[in-house]
């Protein structure tokens, strides 16, 4: 039985990102996986890393539980909209507050860092309102994906991360959205193997 955590970075639980999350979860459960869900926008925490790394802020209970779910997982699914070429502020605040030295990464003897989430795989679904994949890749160099995939997840040891760009959302017909949901359900079944 695969242990999967699905993390939704969209603050609005009525969003298409939530539809993606719940479709993935149901398909993974049907395929025999054990699934936990983190809706970042529903967590109760201060997203401001007020003192930087100079002084550790006490983690709120919702962050402690989310970290337990992330550390429990074998596979992580991150879902978020692309806002100003990056993730929503609440999702960035989640990383700032929860992905801390000694929790998701640590310094090693060589002066570098070591990811503490090794042995886990990942999948990223990025939605964009009015941006096409071509413009995102060619003009903006997949900036939000680079931040999340390379700068955070791989840095913390997660590997074999697959990524999917869904957009422009505003141009998707209902039939297009349904096709994406079918693909997402297929990915969940594959991830459950």
N, C-alpha and C. Protein backbone atom coordinates (compact mmCIF):
# COMPACT_ATOMS: atom_id res chain seq x y z
N UNK A 1 0.84 -1.18 0.00
CA UNK A 1 0.00 0.00 0.00
C UNK A 1 0.88 1.25 0.00
N UNK A 2 0.72 2.09 -1.00
CA UNK A 2 1.50 3.31 -1.13
C UNK A 2 0.97 4.39 -0.21
N UNK A 3 1.88 5.13 0.42
CA UNK A 3 1.51 6.24 1.30
C UNK A 3 1.69 7.54 0.53
N UNK A 4 0.58 8.19 0.24
CA UNK A 4 0.59 9.40 -0.59
C UNK A 4 0.03 10.57 0.21
N UNK A 5 0.72 11.70 0.15
CA UNK A 5 0.17 12.93 0.72
C UNK A 5 -0.10 13.89 -0.45
N UNK A 6 -1.29 14.46 -0.45
CA UNK A 6 -1.69 15.43 -1.47
C UNK A 6 -1.74 16.79 -0.79
N UNK A 7 -0.99 17.75 -1.34
CA UNK A 7 -0.91 19.08 -0.75
C UNK A 7 -1.47 20.10 -1.74
N UNK A 8 -2.53 20.78 -1.34
CA UNK A 8 -3.16 21.77 -2.20
C UNK A 8 -2.76 23.16 -1.71
N UNK A 9 -2.07 23.92 -2.58
CA UNK A 9 -1.60 25.24 -2.22
C UNK A 9 -2.54 26.37 -2.56
N UNK A 10 -3.69 26.06 -3.15
CA UNK A 10 -4.65 27.12 -3.48
C UNK A 10 -5.45 27.49 -2.23
N UNK A 11 -5.53 28.77 -1.89
CA UNK A 11 -6.25 29.17 -0.67
C UNK A 11 -7.76 29.01 -0.75
N UNK A 12 -8.32 28.89 -1.94
CA UNK A 12 -9.77 28.80 -2.11
C UNK A 12 -10.19 27.34 -2.30
N UNK A 13 -10.97 26.81 -1.35
CA UNK A 13 -11.36 25.40 -1.46
C UNK A 13 -12.40 25.16 -2.55
N UNK A 14 -12.88 26.20 -3.21
CA UNK A 14 -13.82 26.06 -4.32
C UNK A 14 -13.09 26.08 -5.67
N UNK A 15 -11.78 26.07 -5.67
CA UNK A 15 -10.99 26.22 -6.89
C UNK A 15 -10.89 24.92 -7.69
N UNK A 16 -10.46 25.04 -8.94
CA UNK A 16 -10.20 23.87 -9.78
C UNK A 16 -9.06 23.05 -9.17
N UNK A 17 -8.16 23.69 -8.45
CA UNK A 17 -7.08 22.97 -7.76
C UNK A 17 -7.67 21.98 -6.75
N UNK A 18 -8.75 22.35 -6.09
CA UNK A 18 -9.40 21.43 -5.15
C UNK A 18 -10.06 20.27 -5.88
N UNK A 19 -10.63 20.54 -7.04
CA UNK A 19 -11.20 19.47 -7.87
C UNK A 19 -10.10 18.49 -8.26
N UNK A 20 -8.95 19.02 -8.66
CA UNK A 20 -7.81 18.18 -9.01
C UNK A 20 -7.41 17.32 -7.80
N UNK A 21 -7.28 17.95 -6.64
CA UNK A 21 -6.85 17.24 -5.43
C UNK A 21 -7.81 16.11 -5.09
N UNK A 22 -9.10 16.41 -5.06
CA UNK A 22 -10.07 15.40 -4.64
C UNK A 22 -10.22 14.29 -5.68
N UNK A 23 -10.08 14.63 -6.96
CA UNK A 23 -10.12 13.59 -8.01
C UNK A 23 -8.93 12.67 -7.87
N UNK A 24 -7.76 13.24 -7.65
CA UNK A 24 -6.55 12.43 -7.46
C UNK A 24 -6.70 11.53 -6.23
N UNK A 25 -7.16 12.10 -5.13
CA UNK A 25 -7.29 11.36 -3.87
C UNK A 25 -8.24 10.17 -4.05
N UNK A 26 -9.40 10.41 -4.65
CA UNK A 26 -10.37 9.33 -4.80
C UNK A 26 -9.81 8.20 -5.67
N UNK A 27 -9.12 8.57 -6.74
CA UNK A 27 -8.54 7.56 -7.63
C UNK A 27 -7.44 6.77 -6.92
N UNK A 28 -6.61 7.46 -6.14
CA UNK A 28 -5.53 6.78 -5.40
C UNK A 28 -6.11 5.85 -4.34
N UNK A 29 -7.16 6.28 -3.65
CA UNK A 29 -7.81 5.42 -2.66
C UNK A 29 -8.41 4.18 -3.33
N UNK A 30 -9.06 4.40 -4.47
CA UNK A 30 -9.65 3.28 -5.21
C UNK A 30 -8.59 2.28 -5.67
N UNK A 31 -7.37 2.79 -5.90
CA UNK A 31 -6.27 1.92 -6.34
C UNK A 31 -5.55 1.26 -5.18
N UNK A 32 -5.99 1.53 -3.96
CA UNK A 32 -5.42 0.86 -2.79
C UNK A 32 -4.38 1.63 -2.01
N UNK A 33 -4.15 2.89 -2.37
CA UNK A 33 -3.18 3.70 -1.62
C UNK A 33 -3.80 4.24 -0.34
N UNK A 34 -2.94 4.54 0.62
CA UNK A 34 -3.36 5.27 1.81
C UNK A 34 -3.03 6.73 1.52
N UNK A 35 -4.00 7.62 1.72
CA UNK A 35 -3.82 9.02 1.31
C UNK A 35 -4.14 9.97 2.47
N UNK A 36 -3.29 10.96 2.63
CA UNK A 36 -3.55 12.07 3.56
C UNK A 36 -3.60 13.36 2.74
N UNK A 37 -4.38 14.32 3.23
CA UNK A 37 -4.61 15.56 2.48
C UNK A 37 -4.26 16.77 3.33
N UNK A 38 -3.51 17.69 2.73
CA UNK A 38 -3.18 18.96 3.38
C UNK A 38 -3.70 20.09 2.48
N UNK A 39 -4.67 20.82 2.97
CA UNK A 39 -5.15 22.02 2.28
C UNK A 39 -4.51 23.21 2.98
N UNK A 40 -3.45 23.73 2.39
CA UNK A 40 -2.66 24.76 3.06
C UNK A 40 -3.50 25.96 3.47
N UNK A 41 -4.44 26.35 2.62
CA UNK A 41 -5.28 27.51 2.91
C UNK A 41 -6.18 27.33 4.11
N UNK A 42 -6.38 26.10 4.56
CA UNK A 42 -7.25 25.83 5.71
C UNK A 42 -6.46 25.65 7.01
N UNK A 43 -5.13 25.69 6.91
CA UNK A 43 -4.30 25.53 8.10
C UNK A 43 -4.27 26.83 8.90
N UNK A 44 -4.11 26.71 10.20
CA UNK A 44 -4.03 27.87 11.08
C UNK A 44 -2.57 28.07 11.48
N UNK A 45 -1.90 29.01 10.83
CA UNK A 45 -0.50 29.31 11.14
C UNK A 45 -0.14 30.69 10.64
N UNK A 46 0.91 31.25 11.22
CA UNK A 46 1.45 32.53 10.77
C UNK A 46 2.43 32.25 9.62
N UNK A 47 2.15 32.71 8.40
CA UNK A 47 3.03 32.40 7.27
C UNK A 47 4.32 33.23 7.23
N UNK A 48 4.45 34.18 8.14
CA UNK A 48 5.61 35.07 8.14
C UNK A 48 6.74 34.48 8.99
N UNK A 49 7.87 34.18 8.36
CA UNK A 49 9.06 33.72 9.08
C UNK A 49 9.72 34.97 9.68
N UNK A 50 9.16 35.43 10.75
CA UNK A 50 9.43 36.75 11.32
C UNK A 50 10.89 37.03 11.61
N UNK A 51 11.64 36.04 12.09
CA UNK A 51 13.02 36.28 12.48
C UNK A 51 14.03 35.63 11.52
N UNK A 52 13.54 35.19 10.36
CA UNK A 52 14.44 34.45 9.47
C UNK A 52 14.90 33.19 10.17
N UNK A 53 16.14 32.81 9.96
CA UNK A 53 16.68 31.61 10.61
C UNK A 53 17.42 31.94 11.91
N UNK A 54 17.44 33.22 12.30
CA UNK A 54 18.16 33.62 13.52
C UNK A 54 17.49 33.11 14.78
N UNK A 55 16.16 33.08 14.76
CA UNK A 55 15.42 32.66 15.95
C UNK A 55 14.26 31.77 15.50
N UNK A 56 14.18 30.58 16.05
CA UNK A 56 13.15 29.63 15.66
C UNK A 56 11.81 30.03 16.27
N UNK A 57 10.79 30.11 15.43
CA UNK A 57 9.43 30.33 15.89
C UNK A 57 8.81 28.98 16.24
N UNK A 58 7.99 28.94 17.25
CA UNK A 58 7.32 27.68 17.61
C UNK A 58 6.34 27.31 16.51
N UNK A 59 6.37 26.04 16.11
CA UNK A 59 5.47 25.57 15.06
C UNK A 59 4.06 25.38 15.63
N UNK A 60 3.09 25.90 14.92
CA UNK A 60 1.70 25.72 15.30
C UNK A 60 1.30 24.25 15.09
N UNK A 61 0.25 23.79 15.82
CA UNK A 61 -0.18 22.39 15.69
C UNK A 61 -0.49 21.97 14.25
N UNK A 62 -1.08 22.86 13.45
CA UNK A 62 -1.38 22.50 12.06
C UNK A 62 -0.11 22.26 11.24
N UNK A 63 0.94 23.03 11.51
CA UNK A 63 2.22 22.81 10.80
C UNK A 63 2.87 21.51 11.27
N UNK A 64 2.79 21.22 12.54
CA UNK A 64 3.36 19.97 13.07
C UNK A 64 2.67 18.78 12.41
N UNK A 65 1.34 18.82 12.33
CA UNK A 65 0.58 17.73 11.71
C UNK A 65 0.92 17.61 10.22
N UNK A 66 1.02 18.73 9.52
CA UNK A 66 1.36 18.71 8.09
C UNK A 66 2.74 18.10 7.88
N UNK A 67 3.70 18.47 8.71
CA UNK A 67 5.05 17.89 8.60
C UNK A 67 5.04 16.40 8.89
N UNK A 68 4.24 15.97 9.85
CA UNK A 68 4.12 14.54 10.13
C UNK A 68 3.59 13.80 8.90
N UNK A 69 2.60 14.38 8.23
CA UNK A 69 2.03 13.77 7.03
C UNK A 69 3.05 13.73 5.89
N UNK A 70 3.82 14.79 5.75
CA UNK A 70 4.84 14.84 4.70
C UNK A 70 5.93 13.82 4.99
N UNK A 71 6.36 13.71 6.23
CA UNK A 71 7.40 12.74 6.58
C UNK A 71 6.89 11.30 6.52
N UNK A 72 5.62 11.09 6.76
CA UNK A 72 4.98 9.78 6.66
C UNK A 72 4.93 9.29 5.21
N UNK A 73 4.81 10.21 4.28
CA UNK A 73 4.55 9.87 2.88
C UNK A 73 5.72 9.19 2.19
N UNK A 74 5.36 8.42 1.16
CA UNK A 74 6.35 7.87 0.21
C UNK A 74 6.30 8.66 -1.09
N UNK A 75 5.15 9.27 -1.36
CA UNK A 75 4.94 10.03 -2.59
C UNK A 75 4.16 11.29 -2.24
N UNK A 76 4.59 12.41 -2.83
CA UNK A 76 3.94 13.69 -2.56
C UNK A 76 3.37 14.28 -3.84
N UNK A 77 2.17 14.81 -3.75
CA UNK A 77 1.52 15.46 -4.88
C UNK A 77 1.25 16.91 -4.48
N UNK A 78 1.89 17.83 -5.19
CA UNK A 78 1.75 19.26 -4.90
C UNK A 78 0.90 19.89 -5.99
N UNK A 79 -0.12 20.62 -5.60
CA UNK A 79 -1.06 21.25 -6.54
C UNK A 79 -1.13 22.73 -6.19
N UNK A 80 -0.93 23.58 -7.19
CA UNK A 80 -1.02 25.02 -6.90
C UNK A 80 -1.27 25.82 -8.16
N UNK A 81 -1.88 27.00 -8.00
CA UNK A 81 -2.03 27.91 -9.14
C UNK A 81 -0.75 28.72 -9.31
N UNK A 82 -0.56 29.20 -10.49
CA UNK A 82 0.58 30.08 -10.78
C UNK A 82 0.10 31.51 -10.66
N UNK A 83 0.58 32.21 -9.65
CA UNK A 83 0.22 33.61 -9.43
C UNK A 83 1.50 34.42 -9.47
N UNK A 84 1.55 35.43 -10.34
CA UNK A 84 2.75 36.24 -10.49
C UNK A 84 3.99 35.35 -10.69
N UNK A 85 3.82 34.30 -11.50
CA UNK A 85 4.88 33.37 -11.89
C UNK A 85 5.42 32.53 -10.73
N UNK A 86 4.66 32.45 -9.66
CA UNK A 86 5.07 31.63 -8.53
C UNK A 86 3.86 31.08 -7.81
N UNK A 87 4.09 30.53 -6.65
CA UNK A 87 3.02 29.96 -5.84
C UNK A 87 2.31 31.05 -5.04
N UNK A 88 1.08 30.79 -4.57
CA UNK A 88 0.38 31.75 -3.72
C UNK A 88 1.17 32.04 -2.43
N UNK A 89 0.96 33.19 -1.87
CA UNK A 89 1.70 33.62 -0.67
C UNK A 89 1.55 32.64 0.48
N UNK A 90 0.34 32.08 0.67
CA UNK A 90 0.14 31.16 1.79
C UNK A 90 0.97 29.89 1.62
N UNK A 91 1.15 29.46 0.39
CA UNK A 91 1.96 28.26 0.12
C UNK A 91 3.44 28.57 0.36
N UNK A 92 3.89 29.73 -0.08
CA UNK A 92 5.27 30.14 0.17
C UNK A 92 5.51 30.28 1.67
N UNK A 93 4.53 30.85 2.38
CA UNK A 93 4.64 30.96 3.83
C UNK A 93 4.70 29.61 4.51
N UNK A 94 3.99 28.64 3.97
CA UNK A 94 4.03 27.27 4.49
C UNK A 94 5.46 26.72 4.41
N UNK A 95 6.09 26.89 3.26
CA UNK A 95 7.47 26.42 3.11
C UNK A 95 8.42 27.19 4.03
N UNK A 96 8.24 28.51 4.09
CA UNK A 96 9.10 29.33 4.95
C UNK A 96 9.03 28.87 6.40
N UNK A 97 7.84 28.59 6.87
CA UNK A 97 7.65 28.24 8.27
C UNK A 97 7.93 26.77 8.61
N UNK A 98 7.60 25.85 7.68
CA UNK A 98 7.67 24.42 8.01
C UNK A 98 8.92 23.72 7.49
N UNK A 99 9.43 24.12 6.34
CA UNK A 99 10.60 23.44 5.75
C UNK A 99 11.87 24.10 6.27
N UNK A 100 12.21 23.72 7.49
CA UNK A 100 13.29 24.38 8.22
C UNK A 100 14.52 23.49 8.36
N UNK A 101 15.68 24.11 8.63
CA UNK A 101 16.88 23.32 8.91
C UNK A 101 16.62 22.35 10.05
N UNK A 102 17.07 21.12 9.88
CA UNK A 102 16.87 20.10 10.89
C UNK A 102 15.55 19.37 10.77
N UNK A 103 14.65 19.90 9.92
CA UNK A 103 13.35 19.25 9.71
C UNK A 103 13.28 18.65 8.31
N UNK A 104 13.57 19.45 7.30
CA UNK A 104 13.52 18.93 5.92
C UNK A 104 14.89 18.94 5.23
N UNK A 105 15.86 19.59 5.83
CA UNK A 105 17.23 19.58 5.32
C UNK A 105 18.18 19.89 6.46
N UNK A 106 19.45 19.57 6.26
CA UNK A 106 20.46 19.90 7.28
C UNK A 106 21.79 20.19 6.60
N UNK A 107 22.65 20.89 7.31
CA UNK A 107 24.01 21.15 6.82
C UNK A 107 24.82 19.87 6.98
N UNK A 108 25.70 19.62 6.00
CA UNK A 108 26.58 18.45 6.14
C UNK A 108 28.00 18.89 6.42
N UNK A 109 28.89 17.94 6.60
CA UNK A 109 30.28 18.23 6.99
C UNK A 109 31.06 18.96 5.91
N UNK A 110 30.63 18.84 4.67
CA UNK A 110 31.35 19.47 3.54
C UNK A 110 30.95 20.92 3.32
N UNK A 111 30.08 21.45 4.17
CA UNK A 111 29.64 22.84 3.99
C UNK A 111 28.40 22.96 3.12
N UNK A 112 27.91 21.84 2.62
CA UNK A 112 26.70 21.85 1.81
C UNK A 112 25.49 21.48 2.64
N UNK A 113 24.45 21.05 1.96
CA UNK A 113 23.25 20.62 2.66
C UNK A 113 22.83 19.24 2.20
N UNK A 114 22.03 18.60 3.04
CA UNK A 114 21.51 17.28 2.74
C UNK A 114 20.01 17.30 2.96
N UNK A 115 19.25 16.80 1.99
CA UNK A 115 17.81 16.74 2.12
C UNK A 115 17.40 15.63 3.06
N UNK A 116 16.45 15.92 3.93
CA UNK A 116 15.99 14.93 4.91
C UNK A 116 14.70 14.23 4.48
N UNK A 117 14.25 14.51 3.25
CA UNK A 117 13.05 13.85 2.73
C UNK A 117 13.42 12.85 1.63
N UNK A 118 14.62 12.31 1.71
CA UNK A 118 15.09 11.33 0.72
C UNK A 118 14.19 10.11 0.72
N UNK A 119 14.17 9.43 -0.43
CA UNK A 119 13.38 8.22 -0.56
C UNK A 119 11.94 8.47 -0.95
N UNK A 120 11.58 9.73 -1.14
CA UNK A 120 10.22 10.08 -1.54
C UNK A 120 10.21 10.57 -2.97
N UNK A 121 9.13 10.31 -3.66
CA UNK A 121 8.94 10.80 -5.02
C UNK A 121 7.88 11.89 -5.02
N UNK A 122 7.74 12.57 -6.16
CA UNK A 122 6.79 13.66 -6.20
C UNK A 122 6.14 13.86 -7.55
N UNK A 123 5.06 14.60 -7.51
CA UNK A 123 4.34 15.02 -8.72
C UNK A 123 3.81 16.42 -8.45
N UNK A 124 3.92 17.30 -9.44
CA UNK A 124 3.45 18.68 -9.31
C UNK A 124 2.42 18.97 -10.39
N UNK A 125 1.29 19.54 -9.98
CA UNK A 125 0.30 20.05 -10.92
C UNK A 125 0.25 21.56 -10.74
N UNK A 126 0.58 22.29 -11.80
CA UNK A 126 0.54 23.75 -11.78
C UNK A 126 -0.58 24.21 -12.70
N UNK A 127 -1.48 25.04 -12.19
CA UNK A 127 -2.52 25.61 -13.03
C UNK A 127 -2.22 27.08 -13.29
N UNK A 128 -2.60 27.55 -14.47
CA UNK A 128 -2.38 28.96 -14.82
C UNK A 128 -3.63 29.52 -15.46
N UNK A 129 -4.05 30.68 -14.99
CA UNK A 129 -5.28 31.28 -15.48
C UNK A 129 -5.24 31.68 -16.94
N UNK A 130 -4.26 32.50 -17.32
CA UNK A 130 -4.24 33.02 -18.69
C UNK A 130 -2.89 32.82 -19.39
N UNK A 131 -2.08 31.94 -18.87
CA UNK A 131 -0.73 31.72 -19.40
C UNK A 131 -0.66 30.37 -20.09
N UNK A 132 -0.05 30.34 -21.26
CA UNK A 132 0.13 29.07 -21.97
C UNK A 132 1.45 28.44 -21.56
N UNK A 133 1.56 27.15 -21.78
CA UNK A 133 2.80 26.44 -21.46
C UNK A 133 3.97 26.98 -22.28
N UNK A 134 3.73 27.35 -23.53
CA UNK A 134 4.81 27.87 -24.37
C UNK A 134 5.38 29.17 -23.81
N UNK A 135 4.51 30.10 -23.43
CA UNK A 135 4.97 31.37 -22.87
C UNK A 135 5.67 31.13 -21.54
N UNK A 136 5.10 30.25 -20.72
CA UNK A 136 5.68 29.95 -19.41
C UNK A 136 7.09 29.38 -19.54
N UNK A 137 7.27 28.46 -20.47
CA UNK A 137 8.58 27.83 -20.64
C UNK A 137 9.57 28.73 -21.37
N UNK A 138 9.13 29.34 -22.46
CA UNK A 138 10.06 30.09 -23.31
C UNK A 138 10.39 31.48 -22.76
N UNK A 139 9.40 32.20 -22.33
CA UNK A 139 9.64 33.57 -21.87
C UNK A 139 9.99 33.61 -20.39
N UNK A 140 9.26 32.86 -19.58
CA UNK A 140 9.45 32.93 -18.13
C UNK A 140 10.29 31.78 -17.57
N UNK A 141 10.78 30.91 -18.44
CA UNK A 141 11.72 29.84 -18.05
C UNK A 141 11.20 28.97 -16.92
N UNK A 142 9.88 28.76 -16.90
CA UNK A 142 9.23 27.89 -15.89
C UNK A 142 9.64 28.29 -14.47
N UNK A 143 9.64 29.59 -14.22
CA UNK A 143 10.18 30.13 -12.96
C UNK A 143 9.54 29.53 -11.72
N UNK A 144 8.22 29.41 -11.68
CA UNK A 144 7.56 28.85 -10.50
C UNK A 144 7.91 27.39 -10.30
N UNK A 145 8.03 26.65 -11.40
CA UNK A 145 8.39 25.24 -11.32
C UNK A 145 9.82 25.08 -10.82
N UNK A 146 10.71 25.92 -11.29
CA UNK A 146 12.10 25.87 -10.83
C UNK A 146 12.16 26.10 -9.33
N UNK A 147 11.41 27.08 -8.84
CA UNK A 147 11.40 27.37 -7.40
C UNK A 147 10.91 26.16 -6.61
N UNK A 148 9.77 25.59 -7.01
CA UNK A 148 9.19 24.49 -6.24
C UNK A 148 9.96 23.18 -6.42
N UNK A 149 10.23 22.82 -7.66
CA UNK A 149 10.85 21.52 -7.93
C UNK A 149 12.32 21.49 -7.52
N UNK A 150 13.09 22.42 -8.05
CA UNK A 150 14.54 22.43 -7.79
C UNK A 150 14.89 23.08 -6.45
N UNK A 151 14.32 24.27 -6.23
CA UNK A 151 14.72 25.07 -5.07
C UNK A 151 14.17 24.59 -3.74
N UNK A 152 13.09 23.80 -3.77
CA UNK A 152 12.52 23.34 -2.51
C UNK A 152 12.51 21.82 -2.42
N UNK A 153 11.75 21.16 -3.29
CA UNK A 153 11.54 19.72 -3.14
C UNK A 153 12.81 18.90 -3.36
N UNK A 154 13.51 19.13 -4.47
CA UNK A 154 14.76 18.39 -4.70
C UNK A 154 15.82 18.76 -3.67
N UNK A 155 15.85 20.01 -3.29
CA UNK A 155 16.79 20.46 -2.26
C UNK A 155 16.59 19.69 -0.96
N UNK A 156 15.31 19.34 -0.69
CA UNK A 156 14.99 18.61 0.54
C UNK A 156 15.03 17.09 0.35
N UNK A 157 15.48 16.64 -0.83
CA UNK A 157 15.73 15.22 -1.04
C UNK A 157 14.70 14.46 -1.83
N UNK A 158 13.59 15.09 -2.21
CA UNK A 158 12.56 14.40 -2.99
C UNK A 158 13.06 14.23 -4.42
N UNK A 159 12.84 13.05 -4.98
CA UNK A 159 13.37 12.78 -6.33
C UNK A 159 12.28 12.25 -7.25
N UNK A 160 12.65 12.06 -8.50
CA UNK A 160 11.74 11.55 -9.53
C UNK A 160 10.44 12.34 -9.54
N UNK A 161 10.57 13.66 -9.62
CA UNK A 161 9.41 14.54 -9.59
C UNK A 161 8.91 14.78 -11.01
N UNK A 162 7.66 14.41 -11.24
CA UNK A 162 7.03 14.68 -12.53
C UNK A 162 6.19 15.94 -12.39
N UNK A 163 6.11 16.72 -13.47
CA UNK A 163 5.35 17.96 -13.38
C UNK A 163 4.42 18.11 -14.57
N UNK A 164 3.29 18.77 -14.30
CA UNK A 164 2.24 18.96 -15.30
C UNK A 164 1.72 20.39 -15.21
N UNK A 165 1.59 21.01 -16.37
CA UNK A 165 1.11 22.39 -16.47
C UNK A 165 -0.29 22.35 -17.08
N UNK A 166 -1.25 22.94 -16.38
CA UNK A 166 -2.63 22.97 -16.86
C UNK A 166 -3.03 24.42 -17.09
N UNK A 167 -3.20 24.79 -18.34
CA UNK A 167 -3.57 26.17 -18.63
C UNK A 167 -3.49 26.47 -20.11
N UNK A 168 -3.99 27.62 -20.50
CA UNK A 168 -4.67 28.59 -19.64
C UNK A 168 -6.06 28.11 -19.21
N UNK A 169 -6.28 28.11 -17.90
CA UNK A 169 -7.54 27.63 -17.31
C UNK A 169 -8.74 28.40 -17.86
N UNK A 170 -8.58 29.73 -18.06
CA UNK A 170 -9.71 30.54 -18.51
C UNK A 170 -10.19 30.16 -19.90
N UNK A 171 -9.36 29.46 -20.65
CA UNK A 171 -9.74 29.04 -22.00
C UNK A 171 -10.22 27.60 -22.06
N UNK A 172 -10.14 26.87 -20.96
CA UNK A 172 -10.55 25.47 -20.97
C UNK A 172 -12.08 25.36 -20.95
N UNK A 173 -12.60 24.61 -21.90
CA UNK A 173 -14.02 24.28 -21.90
C UNK A 173 -14.26 23.19 -20.86
N UNK A 174 -15.51 22.97 -20.52
CA UNK A 174 -15.86 21.94 -19.54
C UNK A 174 -15.32 20.57 -19.97
N UNK A 175 -15.39 20.29 -21.25
CA UNK A 175 -14.88 19.02 -21.78
C UNK A 175 -13.37 18.89 -21.59
N UNK A 176 -12.65 20.01 -21.74
CA UNK A 176 -11.19 20.01 -21.52
C UNK A 176 -10.86 19.73 -20.06
N UNK A 177 -11.63 20.32 -19.17
CA UNK A 177 -11.41 20.09 -17.74
C UNK A 177 -11.65 18.61 -17.39
N UNK A 178 -12.70 18.04 -17.98
CA UNK A 178 -13.01 16.62 -17.74
C UNK A 178 -11.87 15.73 -18.24
N UNK A 179 -11.29 16.08 -19.38
CA UNK A 179 -10.16 15.30 -19.91
C UNK A 179 -8.97 15.37 -18.95
N UNK A 180 -8.72 16.54 -18.40
CA UNK A 180 -7.64 16.67 -17.43
C UNK A 180 -7.90 15.82 -16.19
N UNK A 181 -9.14 15.82 -15.72
CA UNK A 181 -9.48 15.03 -14.54
C UNK A 181 -9.25 13.54 -14.81
N UNK A 182 -9.61 13.08 -15.99
CA UNK A 182 -9.36 11.67 -16.35
C UNK A 182 -7.86 11.39 -16.32
N UNK A 183 -7.05 12.29 -16.85
CA UNK A 183 -5.58 12.11 -16.82
C UNK A 183 -5.07 12.09 -15.38
N UNK A 184 -5.59 12.99 -14.57
CA UNK A 184 -5.16 13.07 -13.17
C UNK A 184 -5.50 11.78 -12.44
N UNK A 185 -6.67 11.24 -12.69
CA UNK A 185 -7.05 9.96 -12.09
C UNK A 185 -6.12 8.84 -12.54
N UNK A 186 -5.72 8.89 -13.82
CA UNK A 186 -4.75 7.90 -14.34
C UNK A 186 -3.40 8.03 -13.62
N UNK A 187 -2.95 9.28 -13.42
CA UNK A 187 -1.68 9.50 -12.70
C UNK A 187 -1.77 8.94 -11.28
N UNK A 188 -2.92 9.11 -10.63
CA UNK A 188 -3.09 8.60 -9.27
C UNK A 188 -3.00 7.09 -9.24
N UNK A 189 -3.58 6.44 -10.23
CA UNK A 189 -3.47 4.97 -10.29
C UNK A 189 -2.04 4.53 -10.52
N UNK A 190 -1.32 5.24 -11.40
CA UNK A 190 0.09 4.93 -11.65
C UNK A 190 0.93 5.14 -10.39
N UNK A 191 0.68 6.23 -9.69
CA UNK A 191 1.44 6.54 -8.48
C UNK A 191 1.17 5.53 -7.36
N UNK A 192 0.05 4.83 -7.45
CA UNK A 192 -0.33 3.87 -6.42
C UNK A 192 0.35 2.52 -6.59
N UNK A 193 1.01 2.32 -7.70
CA UNK A 193 1.66 1.02 -7.97
C UNK A 193 2.95 0.90 -7.17
